Protein backbone atom coordinates (compact mmCIF):
# COMPACT_ATOMS: atom_id res chain seq x y z
CA UNK A 1 22.36 -25.19 20.52
CA UNK A 2 21.01 -24.57 24.01
CA UNK A 3 22.56 -21.11 24.09
CA UNK A 4 20.83 -20.09 20.84
CA UNK A 5 17.49 -21.45 22.06
CA UNK A 6 17.65 -19.66 25.41
CA UNK A 7 18.79 -16.42 23.78
CA UNK A 8 16.11 -16.60 21.05
CA UNK A 9 13.30 -17.40 23.47
CA UNK A 10 14.60 -14.73 25.86
CA UNK A 11 14.46 -12.08 23.15
CA UNK A 12 10.92 -13.23 22.30
CA UNK A 13 9.75 -13.03 25.90
CA UNK A 14 11.40 -9.62 26.24
CA UNK A 15 9.67 -8.38 23.06
CA UNK A 16 6.29 -9.73 24.18
CA UNK A 17 6.72 -8.12 27.62
CA UNK A 18 7.82 -4.82 26.13
CA UNK A 19 4.84 -4.64 23.78
CA UNK A 20 2.48 -5.65 26.60
CA UNK A 21 3.87 -2.99 28.91
CA UNK A 22 2.95 -0.28 26.43
CA UNK A 23 -0.70 -0.98 27.22
CA UNK A 24 -0.20 0.34 30.77
CA UNK A 25 -0.76 3.83 29.40
CA UNK A 26 -4.39 3.03 28.58
CA UNK A 27 -5.10 1.46 31.97
CA UNK A 28 -4.62 -2.26 31.28
CA UNK A 29 -2.19 -3.90 33.75
CA UNK A 30 0.72 -5.97 32.55
CA UNK A 31 -0.32 -9.63 32.83
CA UNK A 32 -3.77 -8.94 31.37
CA UNK A 33 -2.36 -6.89 28.53
CA UNK A 34 -0.45 -9.96 27.33
CA UNK A 35 -3.70 -11.89 26.98
CA UNK A 36 -5.34 -9.01 25.12
CA UNK A 37 -2.35 -8.71 22.80
CA UNK A 38 -2.42 -12.43 22.00
CA UNK A 39 -6.17 -12.34 21.33
CA UNK A 40 -5.76 -9.28 19.09
CA UNK A 41 -2.98 -10.80 16.97
CA UNK A 42 -4.83 -14.13 16.75
CA UNK A 43 -7.93 -12.28 15.56
CA UNK A 44 -5.87 -10.64 12.79
CA UNK A 45 -4.62 -14.06 11.69
CA UNK A 46 -8.19 -15.41 11.91
CA UNK A 47 -9.44 -12.61 9.67
CA UNK A 48 -6.86 -13.44 7.02
CA UNK A 49 -7.62 -17.14 7.41
CA UNK A 50 -11.14 -16.51 6.11
CA UNK A 51 -9.77 -15.89 2.61
CA UNK A 52 -6.25 -17.32 2.55
CA UNK A 53 -6.13 -20.18 5.03
CA UNK A 54 -3.44 -22.25 3.34
CA UNK A 55 -0.72 -19.52 3.36
CA UNK A 56 -1.50 -18.76 7.01
CA UNK A 57 -1.07 -22.45 7.87
CA UNK A 58 2.14 -22.61 5.86
CA UNK A 59 3.51 -19.49 7.58
CA UNK A 60 3.04 -21.04 11.02
CA UNK A 61 4.45 -24.41 9.94
CA UNK A 62 7.53 -22.84 8.38
CA UNK A 63 8.28 -20.89 11.56
CA UNK A 64 7.56 -23.64 14.07
CA UNK A 65 8.20 -27.06 12.56
CA UNK A 66 11.41 -26.45 10.60
CA UNK A 67 14.49 -27.66 12.42
CA UNK A 68 17.00 -24.82 12.24
CA UNK A 69 19.35 -24.03 15.06
CA UNK A 70 19.84 -20.30 14.92
CA UNK A 71 18.87 -17.62 17.38
CA UNK A 72 16.64 -15.92 14.82
CA UNK A 73 14.77 -19.17 14.16
CA UNK A 74 14.10 -19.69 17.87
CA UNK A 75 12.92 -16.07 18.14
CA UNK A 76 10.51 -16.47 15.23
CA UNK A 77 9.41 -19.84 16.59
CA UNK A 78 8.49 -18.31 19.94
CA UNK A 79 6.68 -15.38 18.31
CA UNK A 80 4.75 -17.68 15.97
CA UNK A 81 3.68 -19.94 18.82
CA UNK A 82 2.72 -16.99 21.01
CA UNK A 83 0.91 -14.95 18.39
CA UNK A 84 -0.75 -17.49 16.10
CA UNK A 85 -0.87 -20.96 17.68
CA UNK A 86 -4.54 -20.69 18.61
CA UNK A 87 -5.47 -19.66 15.09
CA UNK A 88 -3.26 -22.35 13.53
CA UNK A 89 -4.86 -25.29 15.32
CA UNK A 90 -8.42 -24.08 14.77
CA UNK A 91 -7.76 -23.22 11.11
CA UNK A 92 -6.06 -26.58 10.57
CA UNK A 93 -9.24 -28.36 11.66
CA UNK A 94 -11.60 -26.04 9.76
CA UNK A 95 -9.51 -26.23 6.56
CA UNK A 96 -10.30 -29.94 6.18
CA UNK A 97 -14.04 -29.26 5.86
CA UNK A 98 -15.87 -28.51 2.60
CA UNK A 99 -15.94 -24.91 1.42
CA UNK A 100 -19.61 -24.31 2.28
CA UNK A 101 -18.81 -25.13 5.94
CA UNK A 102 -15.31 -23.68 6.02
CA UNK A 103 -16.16 -20.04 5.33
CA UNK A 104 -18.98 -19.69 7.92
CA UNK A 105 -16.90 -21.46 10.57
CA UNK A 106 -13.93 -19.18 9.88
CA UNK A 107 -16.18 -16.16 10.23
CA UNK A 108 -17.68 -17.58 13.43
CA UNK A 109 -14.20 -18.19 14.86
CA UNK A 110 -13.15 -14.65 13.96
CA UNK A 111 -16.24 -13.20 15.63
CA UNK A 112 -15.63 -15.38 18.70
CA UNK A 113 -12.09 -14.03 19.03
CA UNK A 114 -13.34 -10.46 18.67
CA UNK A 115 -16.04 -11.09 21.25
CA UNK A 116 -13.47 -12.46 23.73
CA UNK A 117 -11.17 -9.53 23.01
CA UNK A 118 -13.89 -6.94 23.65
CA UNK A 119 -15.13 -8.74 26.74
CA UNK A 120 -11.65 -8.91 28.23
CA UNK A 121 -10.80 -5.32 27.35
CA UNK A 122 -14.19 -4.18 28.65
CA UNK A 123 -13.16 -5.23 32.14
CA UNK A 124 -10.60 -2.45 32.16
CA UNK A 125 -12.22 0.14 29.95
CA UNK A 126 -15.52 0.46 31.78
CA UNK A 127 -14.46 0.02 35.39
């Protein structure tokens, strides 16, 4: 059990690092590129949460909260937590509201993520 968890999380960290290192070519250093990557993927999930919030919530829950003990499950669990945890917890709170509040708040959250993404990437693009 511990071996599968360590191996699955290790592959996830390796994958996240490898994808983040590809952003060195455009002038964004490694630790900061991880933050930009996480904000970008969360903004994609936030965009889809505007229209289909329940399947996005179910996707996260099925990857994180199910109790399987395989290497692939631990890999998908790490990737789900890394790439969509921020969106899951915000969407979970917004989804409980009435529809006339839910849609504007989802759009506001999406715009907030995009704003943070462009602010953080602007540090490296315009310096």
